């Protein structure tokens, strides 16, 4: 499923690590990384899966924490 995500807020993000849970594995597996430009990312989410995106801030390299 093609997905476009616009991230709002004052933090600028530069990358996202992708983790997926599918029928192939019992635990989330690393599935690559994505570039983020102007807090906008596009991603093709596989059918029948769960995807977690871990965002990395542009300036500090800090990982975003869930709220």
C-alpha atoms as a PDB file:
ATOM      1  CA  UNK A   1       0.000   0.000   0.000  1.00  0.00           C
ATOM      2  CA  UNK A   2       1.665   3.276  -1.063  1.00  0.00           C
ATOM      3  CA  UNK A   3       1.746   5.727   1.819  1.00  0.00           C
ATOM      4  CA  UNK A   4       2.778   9.374   2.087  1.00  0.00           C
ATOM      5  CA  UNK A   5       3.381  10.714   5.593  1.00  0.00           C
ATOM      6  CA  UNK A   6       3.765  14.416   6.414  1.00  0.00           C
ATOM      7  CA  UNK A   7       5.300  14.955   9.867  1.00  0.00           C
ATOM      8  CA  UNK A   8       4.123  18.095  11.647  1.00  0.00           C
ATOM      9  CA  UNK A   9       5.962  19.937  14.400  1.00  0.00           C
ATOM     10  CA  UNK A  10       9.116  21.919  14.890  1.00  0.00           C
ATOM     11  CA  UNK A  11      11.564  18.999  14.734  1.00  0.00           C
ATOM     12  CA  UNK A  12      13.098  18.331  11.320  1.00  0.00           C
ATOM     13  CA  UNK A  13      13.670  14.639  10.589  1.00  0.00           C
ATOM     14  CA  UNK A  14      16.166  13.240   8.083  1.00  0.00           C
ATOM     15  CA  UNK A  15      15.726   9.463   8.188  1.00  0.00           C
ATOM     16  CA  UNK A  16      13.582   6.607   9.413  1.00  0.00           C
ATOM     17  CA  UNK A  17      14.565   3.061  10.302  1.00  0.00           C
ATOM     18  CA  UNK A  18      11.933   0.540   9.209  1.00  0.00           C
ATOM     19  CA  UNK A  19      10.880  -2.504  11.227  1.00  0.00           C
ATOM     20  CA  UNK A  20       8.212  -4.955  10.045  1.00  0.00           C
ATOM     21  CA  UNK A  21       6.130  -7.691  11.588  1.00  0.00           C
ATOM     22  CA  UNK A  22       4.871 -10.184   9.000  1.00  0.00           C
ATOM     23  CA  UNK A  23       3.780 -13.812   8.880  1.00  0.00           C
ATOM     24  CA  UNK A  24       7.415 -14.726   8.117  1.00  0.00           C
ATOM     25  CA  UNK A  25       8.705 -13.874  11.621  1.00  0.00           C
ATOM     26  CA  UNK A  26       7.328 -13.806  15.160  1.00  0.00           C
ATOM     27  CA  UNK A  27       9.153 -10.579  16.066  1.00  0.00           C
ATOM     28  CA  UNK A  28       9.657  -7.268  14.200  1.00  0.00           C
ATOM     29  CA  UNK A  29      12.561  -7.447  11.759  1.00  0.00           C
ATOM     30  CA  UNK A  30      14.767  -4.629  10.456  1.00  0.00           C
ATOM     31  CA  UNK A  31      13.629  -3.789   6.933  1.00  0.00           C
ATOM     32  CA  UNK A  32      15.918  -0.967   5.831  1.00  0.00           C
ATOM     33  CA  UNK A  33      15.781   2.795   6.111  1.00  0.00           C
ATOM     34  CA  UNK A  34      14.099   5.749   4.433  1.00  0.00           C
ATOM     35  CA  UNK A  35      15.174   9.298   3.683  1.00  0.00           C
ATOM     36  CA  UNK A  36      12.943  12.102   4.920  1.00  0.00           C
ATOM     37  CA  UNK A  37      12.927  15.447   3.097  1.00  0.00           C
ATOM     38  CA  UNK A  38      11.026  18.462   4.464  1.00  0.00           C
ATOM     39  CA  UNK A  39       9.426  16.103   7.014  1.00  0.00           C
ATOM     40  CA  UNK A  40       7.750  14.162   4.196  1.00  0.00           C
ATOM     41  CA  UNK A  41       8.300  10.489   3.480  1.00  0.00           C
ATOM     42  CA  UNK A  42       6.832   7.981   1.070  1.00  0.00           C
ATOM     43  CA  UNK A  43       6.752   4.284   1.808  1.00  0.00           C
ATOM     44  CA  UNK A  44       5.238   1.163   0.244  1.00  0.00           C
ATOM     45  CA  UNK A  45       3.717  -0.753   3.174  1.00  0.00           C
ATOM     46  CA  UNK A  46       3.380  -4.492   2.534  1.00  0.00           C
ATOM     47  CA  UNK A  47      -0.105  -6.021   2.741  1.00  0.00           C
ATOM     48  CA  UNK A  48      -0.924  -7.894   5.954  1.00  0.00           C
ATOM     49  CA  UNK A  49       1.976  -6.484   7.921  1.00  0.00           C
ATOM     50  CA  UNK A  50       2.696  -4.065  10.743  1.00  0.00           C
ATOM     51  CA  UNK A  51       5.383  -1.438  10.133  1.00  0.00           C
ATOM     52  CA  UNK A  52       7.142   0.710  12.721  1.00  0.00           C
ATOM     53  CA  UNK A  53       9.123   3.750  11.588  1.00  0.00           C
ATOM     54  CA  UNK A  54      11.791   5.036  14.004  1.00  0.00           C
ATOM     55  CA  UNK A  55      12.510   8.662  13.098  1.00  0.00           C
ATOM     56  CA  UNK A  56      15.926  10.332  13.386  1.00  0.00           C
ATOM     57  CA  UNK A  57      16.145  14.112  13.908  1.00  0.00           C
ATOM     58  CA  UNK A  58      18.057  16.029  11.247  1.00  0.00           C
ATOM     59  CA  UNK A  59      20.230  18.307  13.392  1.00  0.00           C
ATOM     60  CA  UNK A  60      21.076  16.178  16.386  1.00  0.00           C
ATOM     61  CA  UNK A  61      20.771  12.638  15.087  1.00  0.00           C
ATOM     62  CA  UNK A  62      18.507  11.956  18.070  1.00  0.00           C
ATOM     63  CA  UNK A  63      15.828   9.278  17.806  1.00  0.00           C
ATOM     64  CA  UNK A  64      12.250  10.468  18.302  1.00  0.00           C
ATOM     65  CA  UNK A  65      10.539   9.067  21.365  1.00  0.00           C
ATOM     66  CA  UNK A  66       6.880   8.000  21.241  1.00  0.00           C
ATOM     67  CA  UNK A  67       4.467  10.197  23.187  1.00  0.00           C
END
